[in-house]
PDB file of N, CA and C in Angstrom:
ATOM      1  N   MET A   1     130.399-103.257 274.671  1.00  0.00           N
ATOM      2  CA  MET A   1     131.094-104.251 275.453  1.00  0.00           C
ATOM      3  C   MET A   1     131.326-103.669 276.855  1.00  0.00           C
ATOM      4  N   PRO A   2     131.042-104.447 277.851  1.00  0.00           N
ATOM      5  CA  PRO A   2     131.285-103.977 279.216  1.00  0.00           C
ATOM      6  C   PRO A   2     132.782-103.707 279.437  1.00  0.00           C
ATOM      7  N   TRP A   3     133.076-102.693 280.218  1.00  0.00           N
ATOM      8  CA  TRP A   3     134.463-102.264 280.375  1.00  0.00           C
ATOM      9  C   TRP A   3     135.320-103.304 281.074  1.00  0.00           C
ATOM     10  N   ARG A   4     134.752-104.096 281.947  1.00  0.00           N
ATOM     11  CA  ARG A   4     135.536-105.128 282.647  1.00  0.00           C
ATOM     12  C   ARG A   4     135.992-106.216 281.672  1.00  0.00           C
ATOM     13  N   ARG A   5     135.104-106.611 280.807  1.00  0.00           N
ATOM     14  CA  ARG A   5     135.468-107.617 279.808  1.00  0.00           C
ATOM     15  C   ARG A   5     136.521-107.056 278.858  1.00  0.00           C
ATOM     16  N   PHE A   6     136.324-105.811 278.447  1.00  0.00           N
ATOM     17  CA  PHE A   6     137.307-105.159 277.591  1.00  0.00           C
ATOM     18  C   PHE A   6     138.666-105.097 278.284  1.00  0.00           C
ATOM     19  N   LEU A   7     138.681-104.733 279.558  1.00  0.00           N
ATOM     20  CA  LEU A   7     139.919-104.621 280.310  1.00  0.00           C
ATOM     21  C   LEU A   7     140.651-105.957 280.378  1.00  0.00           C
ATOM     22  N   VAL A   8     139.927-107.032 280.611  1.00  0.00           N
ATOM     23  CA  VAL A   8     140.540-108.360 280.688  1.00  0.00           C
ATOM     24  C   VAL A   8     141.159-108.738 279.348  1.00  0.00           C
ATOM     25  N   PHE A   9     140.413-108.584 278.270  1.00  0.00           N
ATOM     26  CA  PHE A   9     140.939-108.957 276.965  1.00  0.00           C
ATOM     27  C   PHE A   9     142.041-108.015 276.504  1.00  0.00           C
ATOM     28  N   ASN A  10     141.957-106.758 276.866  1.00  0.00           N
ATOM     29  CA  ASN A  10     142.994-105.810 276.526  1.00  0.00           C
ATOM     30  C   ASN A  10     144.299-106.166 277.239  1.00  0.00           C
ATOM     31  N   ALA A  11     144.215-106.503 278.517  1.00  0.00           N
ATOM     32  CA  ALA A  11     145.397-106.904 279.276  1.00  0.00           C
ATOM     33  C   ALA A  11     145.981-108.201 278.739  1.00  0.00           C
ATOM     34  N   LEU A  12     145.125-109.150 278.396  1.00  0.00           N
ATOM     35  CA  LEU A  12     145.592-110.414 277.825  1.00  0.00           C
ATOM     36  C   LEU A  12     146.294-110.178 276.494  1.00  0.00           C
ATOM     37  N   GLY A  13     145.709-109.366 275.658  1.00  0.00           N
ATOM     38  CA  GLY A  13     146.324-109.050 274.372  1.00  0.00           C
ATOM     39  C   GLY A  13     147.657-108.345 274.543  1.00  0.00           C
ATOM     40  N   ALA A  14     147.739-107.414 275.484  1.00  0.00           N
ATOM     41  CA  ALA A  14     148.995-106.707 275.739  1.00  0.00           C
ATOM     42  C   ALA A  14     150.069-107.673 276.235  1.00  0.00           C
ATOM     43  N   ALA A  15     149.700-108.577 277.121  1.00  0.00           N
ATOM     44  CA  ALA A  15     150.673-109.545 277.641  1.00  0.00           C
ATOM     45  C   ALA A  15     151.179-110.459 276.531  1.00  0.00           C
ATOM     46  N   LEU A  16     150.290-110.916 275.671  1.00  0.00           N
ATOM     47  CA  LEU A  16     150.712-111.769 274.556  1.00  0.00           C
ATOM     48  C   LEU A  16     151.595-111.005 273.580  1.00  0.00           C
ATOM     49  N   TRP A  17     151.253-109.755 273.315  1.00  0.00           N
ATOM     50  CA  TRP A  17     152.027-108.917 272.396  1.00  0.00           C
ATOM     51  C   TRP A  17     153.444-108.705 272.926  1.00  0.00           C
ATOM     52  N   VAL A  18     153.553-108.354 274.198  1.00  0.00           N
ATOM     53  CA  VAL A  18     154.864-108.136 274.809  1.00  0.00           C
ATOM     54  C   VAL A  18     155.654-109.438 274.846  1.00  0.00           C
ATOM     55  N   GLY A  19     154.997-110.530 275.158  1.00  0.00           N
ATOM     56  CA  GLY A  19     155.682-111.828 275.180  1.00  0.00           C
ATOM     57  C   GLY A  19     156.211-112.213 273.813  1.00  0.00           C
ATOM     58  N   LEU A  20     155.435-111.973 272.786  1.00  0.00           N
ATOM     59  CA  LEU A  20     155.865-112.299 271.427  1.00  0.00           C
ATOM     60  C   LEU A  20     157.088-111.492 271.036  1.00  0.00           C
ATOM     61  N   TRP A  21     157.035-110.170 271.231  1.00  0.00           N
ATOM     62  CA  TRP A  21     158.158-109.319 270.826  1.00  0.00           C
ATOM     63  C   TRP A  21     159.394-109.565 271.685  1.00  0.00           C
ATOM     64  N   THR A  22     159.218-109.892 272.949  1.00  0.00           N
ATOM     65  CA  THR A  22     160.360-110.210 273.799  1.00  0.00           C
ATOM     66  C   THR A  22     161.029-111.491 273.335  1.00  0.00           C
ATOM     67  N   THR A  23     160.233-112.491 273.005  1.00  0.00           N
ATOM     68  CA  THR A  23     160.778-113.754 272.517  1.00  0.00           C
ATOM     69  C   THR A  23     161.494-113.556 271.184  1.00  0.00           C
ATOM     70  N   LEU A  24     160.873-112.817 270.274  1.00  0.00           N
ATOM     71  CA  LEU A  24     161.514-112.568 268.981  1.00  0.00           C
ATOM     72  C   LEU A  24     162.811-111.788 269.140  1.00  0.00           C
ATOM     73  N   ALA A  25     162.835-110.813 270.037  1.00  0.00           N
ATOM     74  CA  ALA A  25     164.056-110.038 270.264  1.00  0.00           C
ATOM     75  C   ALA A  25     165.153-110.914 270.858  1.00  0.00           C
ATOM     76  N   TYR A  26     164.801-111.791 271.745  1.00  0.00           N
ATOM     77  CA  TYR A  26     165.791-112.689 272.337  1.00  0.00           C
ATOM     78  C   TYR A  26     166.378-113.633 271.285  1.00  0.00           C
ATOM     79  N   VAL A  27     165.514-114.213 270.477  1.00  0.00           N
ATOM     80  CA  VAL A  27     165.985-115.142 269.445  1.00  0.00           C
ATOM     81  C   VAL A  27     166.816-114.399 268.400  1.00  0.00           C
ATOM     82  N   ALA A  28     166.359-113.221 267.996  1.00  0.00           N
ATOM     83  CA  ALA A  28     167.105-112.447 267.014  1.00  0.00           C
ATOM     84  C   ALA A  28     168.435-111.988 267.590  1.00  0.00           C
ATOM     85  N   GLY A  29     168.473-111.658 268.867  1.00  0.00           N
ATOM     86  CA  GLY A  29     169.703-111.187 269.488  1.00  0.00           C
ATOM     87  C   GLY A  29     170.781-112.249 269.535  1.00  0.00           C
ATOM     88  N   THR A  30     170.383-113.488 269.679  1.00  0.00           N
ATOM     89  CA  THR A  30     171.381-114.560 269.715  1.00  0.00           C
ATOM     90  C   THR A  30     171.877-114.938 268.329  1.00  0.00           C
ATOM     91  N   HIS A  31     171.163-114.510 267.288  1.00  0.00           N
ATOM     92  CA  HIS A  31     171.559-114.821 265.914  1.00  0.00           C
ATOM     93  C   HIS A  31     171.732-113.547 265.083  1.00  0.00           C
ATOM     94  N   ILE A  32     172.170-112.475 265.700  1.00  0.00           N
ATOM     95  CA  ILE A  32     172.181-111.185 265.030  1.00  0.00           C
ATOM     96  C   ILE A  32     173.142-111.153 263.847  1.00  0.00           C
ATOM     97  N   THR A  33     174.249-111.838 263.909  1.00  0.00           N
ATOM     98  CA  THR A  33     175.190-111.809 262.780  1.00  0.00           C
ATOM     99  C   THR A  33     174.608-112.531 261.568  1.00  0.00           C
ATOM    100  N   ALA A  34     173.931-113.637 261.792  1.00  0.00           N
ATOM    101  CA  ALA A  34     173.303-114.358 260.674  1.00  0.00           C
ATOM    102  C   ALA A  34     172.181-113.533 260.069  1.00  0.00           C
ATOM    103  N   ILE A  35     171.405-112.872 260.902  1.00  0.00           N
ATOM    104  CA  ILE A  35     170.316-112.024 260.400  1.00  0.00           C
ATOM    105  C   ILE A  35     170.881-110.862 259.599  1.00  0.00           C
ATOM    106  N   TYR A  36     171.941-110.235 260.106  1.00  0.00           N
ATOM    107  CA  TYR A  36     172.563-109.114 259.403  1.00  0.00           C
ATOM    108  C   TYR A  36     173.097-109.552 258.042  1.00  0.00           C
ATOM    109  N   ASP A  37     173.728-110.725 257.982  1.00  0.00           N
ATOM    110  CA  ASP A  37     174.236-111.235 256.704  1.00  0.00           C
ATOM    111  C   ASP A  37     173.111-111.446 255.698  1.00  0.00           C
ATOM    112  N   GLU A  38     171.989-111.988 256.146  1.00  0.00           N
ATOM    113  CA  GLU A  38     170.861-112.212 255.242  1.00  0.00           C
ATOM    114  C   GLU A  38     170.241-110.897 254.785  1.00  0.00           C
ATOM    115  N   ILE A  39     170.150-109.936 255.678  1.00  0.00           N
ATOM    116  CA  ILE A  39     169.585-108.632 255.303  1.00  0.00           C
ATOM    117  C   ILE A  39     170.454-107.951 254.261  1.00  0.00           C
ATOM    118  N   THR A  40     171.752-107.963 254.474  1.00  0.00           N
ATOM    119  CA  THR A  40     172.635-107.308 253.500  1.00  0.00           C
ATOM    120  C   THR A  40     172.652-108.059 252.175  1.00  0.00           C
ATOM    121  N   ARG A  41     172.444-109.350 252.197  1.00  0.00           N
ATOM    122  CA  ARG A  41     172.433-110.128 250.957  1.00  0.00           C
ATOM    123  C   ARG A  41     171.217-109.777 250.084  1.00  0.00           C
ATOM    124  N   TYR A  42     170.062-109.606 250.698  1.00  0.00           N
ATOM    125  CA  TYR A  42     168.833-109.380 249.941  1.00  0.00           C
ATOM    126  C   TYR A  42     168.351-107.928 249.986  1.00  0.00           C
ATOM    127  N   GLN A  43     169.188-107.023 250.432  1.00  0.00           N
ATOM    128  CA  GLN A  43     168.813-105.621 250.577  1.00  0.00           C
ATOM    129  C   GLN A  43     168.416-104.990 249.248  1.00  0.00           C
ATOM    130  N   LEU A  44     169.180-105.200 248.210  1.00  0.00           N
ATOM    131  CA  LEU A  44     168.879-104.619 246.906  1.00  0.00           C
ATOM    132  C   LEU A  44     167.557-105.145 246.353  1.00  0.00           C
ATOM    133  N   TYR A  45     167.327-106.434 246.486  1.00  0.00           N
ATOM    134  CA  TYR A  45     166.085-107.021 245.986  1.00  0.00           C
ATOM    135  C   TYR A  45     164.865-106.478 246.731  1.00  0.00           C
ATOM    136  N   ALA A  46     165.007-106.292 248.034  1.00  0.00           N
ATOM    137  CA  ALA A  46     163.900-105.753 248.822  1.00  0.00           C
ATOM    138  C   ALA A  46     163.608-104.312 248.422  1.00  0.00           C
ATOM    139  N   LEU A  47     164.640-103.520 248.204  1.00  0.00           N
ATOM    140  CA  LEU A  47     164.431-102.138 247.780  1.00  0.00           C
ATOM    141  C   LEU A  47     163.777-102.072 246.406  1.00  0.00           C
ATOM    142  N   LEU A  48     164.194-102.937 245.510  1.00  0.00           N
ATOM    143  CA  LEU A  48     163.565-102.976 244.181  1.00  0.00           C
ATOM    144  C   LEU A  48     162.113-103.435 244.272  1.00  0.00           C
ATOM    145  N   ALA A  49     161.852-104.407 245.125  1.00  0.00           N
ATOM    146  CA  ALA A  49     160.483-104.908 245.282  1.00  0.00           C
ATOM    147  C   ALA A  49     159.578-103.838 245.890  1.00  0.00           C
ATOM    148  N   LEU A  50     160.110-103.000 246.746  1.00  0.00           N
ATOM    149  CA  LEU A  50     159.321-101.907 247.306  1.00  0.00           C
ATOM    150  C   LEU A  50     159.249-100.716 246.366  1.00  0.00           C
ATOM    151  N   GLY A  51     160.309-100.485 245.614  1.00  0.00           N
ATOM    152  CA  GLY A  51     160.366 -99.330 244.727  1.00  0.00           C
ATOM    153  C   GLY A  51     159.490 -99.473 243.498  1.00  0.00           C
ATOM    154  N   ALA A  52     159.349-100.677 242.975  1.00  0.00           N
ATOM    155  CA  ALA A  52     158.563-100.878 241.758  1.00  0.00           C
ATOM    156  C   ALA A  52     157.085-100.505 241.948  1.00  0.00           C
ATOM    157  N   PRO A  53     156.414-100.955 242.994  1.00  0.00           N
ATOM    158  CA  PRO A  53     155.021-100.535 243.178  1.00  0.00           C
ATOM    159  C   PRO A  53     154.879 -99.029 243.451  1.00  0.00           C
ATOM    160  N   VAL A  54     155.829 -98.461 244.169  1.00  0.00           N
ATOM    161  CA  VAL A  54     155.772 -97.022 244.428  1.00  0.00           C
ATOM    162  C   VAL A  54     155.911 -96.253 243.128  1.00  0.00           C
ATOM    163  N   ALA A  55     156.843 -96.665 242.286  1.00  0.00           N
ATOM    164  CA  ALA A  55     157.023 -96.015 240.988  1.00  0.00           C
ATOM    165  C   ALA A  55     155.784 -96.199 240.110  1.00  0.00           C
ATOM    166  N   ALA A  56     155.179 -97.373 240.148  1.00  0.00           N
ATOM    167  CA  ALA A  56     153.975 -97.625 239.361  1.00  0.00           C
ATOM    168  C   ALA A  56     152.812 -96.756 239.829  1.00  0.00           C
ATOM    169  N   LEU A  57     152.665 -96.608 241.132  1.00  0.00           N
ATOM    170  CA  LEU A  57     151.600 -95.756 241.652  1.00  0.00           C
ATOM    171  C   LEU A  57     151.843 -94.281 241.311  1.00  0.00           C
ATOM    172  N   ALA A  58     153.092 -93.842 241.365  1.00  0.00           N
ATOM    173  CA  ALA A  58     153.411 -92.459 241.001  1.00  0.00           C
ATOM    174  C   ALA A  58     153.136 -92.222 239.520  1.00  0.00           C
ATOM    175  N   LEU A  59     153.517 -93.159 238.674  1.00  0.00           N
ATOM    176  CA  LEU A  59     153.257 -93.036 237.244  1.00  0.00           C
ATOM    177  C   LEU A  59     151.757 -93.032 236.966  1.00  0.00           C
ATOM    178  N   ARG A  60     151.020 -93.888 237.630  1.00  0.00           N
ATOM    179  CA  ARG A  60     149.565 -93.929 237.470  1.00  0.00           C
ATOM    180  C   ARG A  60     148.924 -92.601 237.878  1.00  0.00           C
ATOM    181  N   HIS A  61     149.413 -92.055 238.984  1.00  0.00           N
ATOM    182  CA  HIS A  61     148.892 -90.773 239.455  1.00  0.00           C
ATOM    183  C   HIS A  61     149.169 -89.672 238.434  1.00  0.00           C
ATOM    184  N   LEU A  62     150.374 -89.636 237.913  1.00  0.00           N
ATOM    185  CA  LEU A  62     150.716 -88.616 236.910  1.00  0.00           C
ATOM    186  C   LEU A  62     149.907 -88.770 235.635  1.00  0.00           C
ATOM    187  N   LEU A  63     149.724 -89.989 235.178  1.00  0.00           N
ATOM    188  CA  LEU A  63     148.947 -90.211 233.956  1.00  0.00           C
ATOM    189  C   LEU A  63     147.480 -89.837 234.152  1.00  0.00           C
ATOM    190  N   ARG A  64     146.926 -90.161 235.302  1.00  0.00           N
ATOM    191  CA  ARG A  64     145.534 -89.768 235.571  1.00  0.00           C
ATOM    192  C   ARG A  64     145.382 -88.256 235.655  1.00  0.00           C
ATOM    193  N   ARG A  65     146.382 -87.621 236.258  1.00  0.00           N
ATOM    194  CA  ARG A  65     146.322 -86.159 236.396  1.00  0.00           C
ATOM    195  C   ARG A  65     146.417 -85.491 235.035  1.00  0.00           C
ATOM    196  N   ARG A  66     147.271 -85.989 234.154  1.00  0.00           N
ATOM    197  CA  ARG A  66     147.378 -85.442 232.806  1.00  0.00           C
ATOM    198  C   ARG A  66     146.102 -85.663 232.000  1.00  0.00           C
ATOM    199  N   HIS A  67     145.484 -86.819 232.217  1.00  0.00           N
ATOM    200  CA  HIS A  67     144.266 -87.143 231.484  1.00  0.00           C
ATOM    201  C   HIS A  67     143.100 -86.240 231.918  1.00  0.00           C
ATOM    202  N   GLN A  68     143.071 -85.828 233.173  1.00  0.00           N
ATOM    203  CA  GLN A  68     141.997 -84.972 233.672  1.00  0.00           C
ATOM    204  C   GLN A  68     142.137 -83.545 233.162  1.00  0.00           C
ATOM    205  N   ASP A  69     143.351 -83.070 232.911  1.00  0.00           N
ATOM    206  CA  ASP A  69     143.555 -81.679 232.469  1.00  0.00           C
ATOM    207  C   ASP A  69     143.265 -81.478 231.033  1.00  0.00           C
TER     208      ASP A  69
END
């Protein structure tokens, strides 16, 4: 790809990325108490949802390692 075309699309992508995160930060900042309440409400469920696959992968790794020895 020619560098000029890459530069144009790279700059466009960067501008869109910054615009998206700036907009999301502004919207989240005006509703931060509501967001915090929702995060604390579902915090345990999110940790369990993340912990279960990690535990399953660790168990799978241990079982495979035992089977190889």
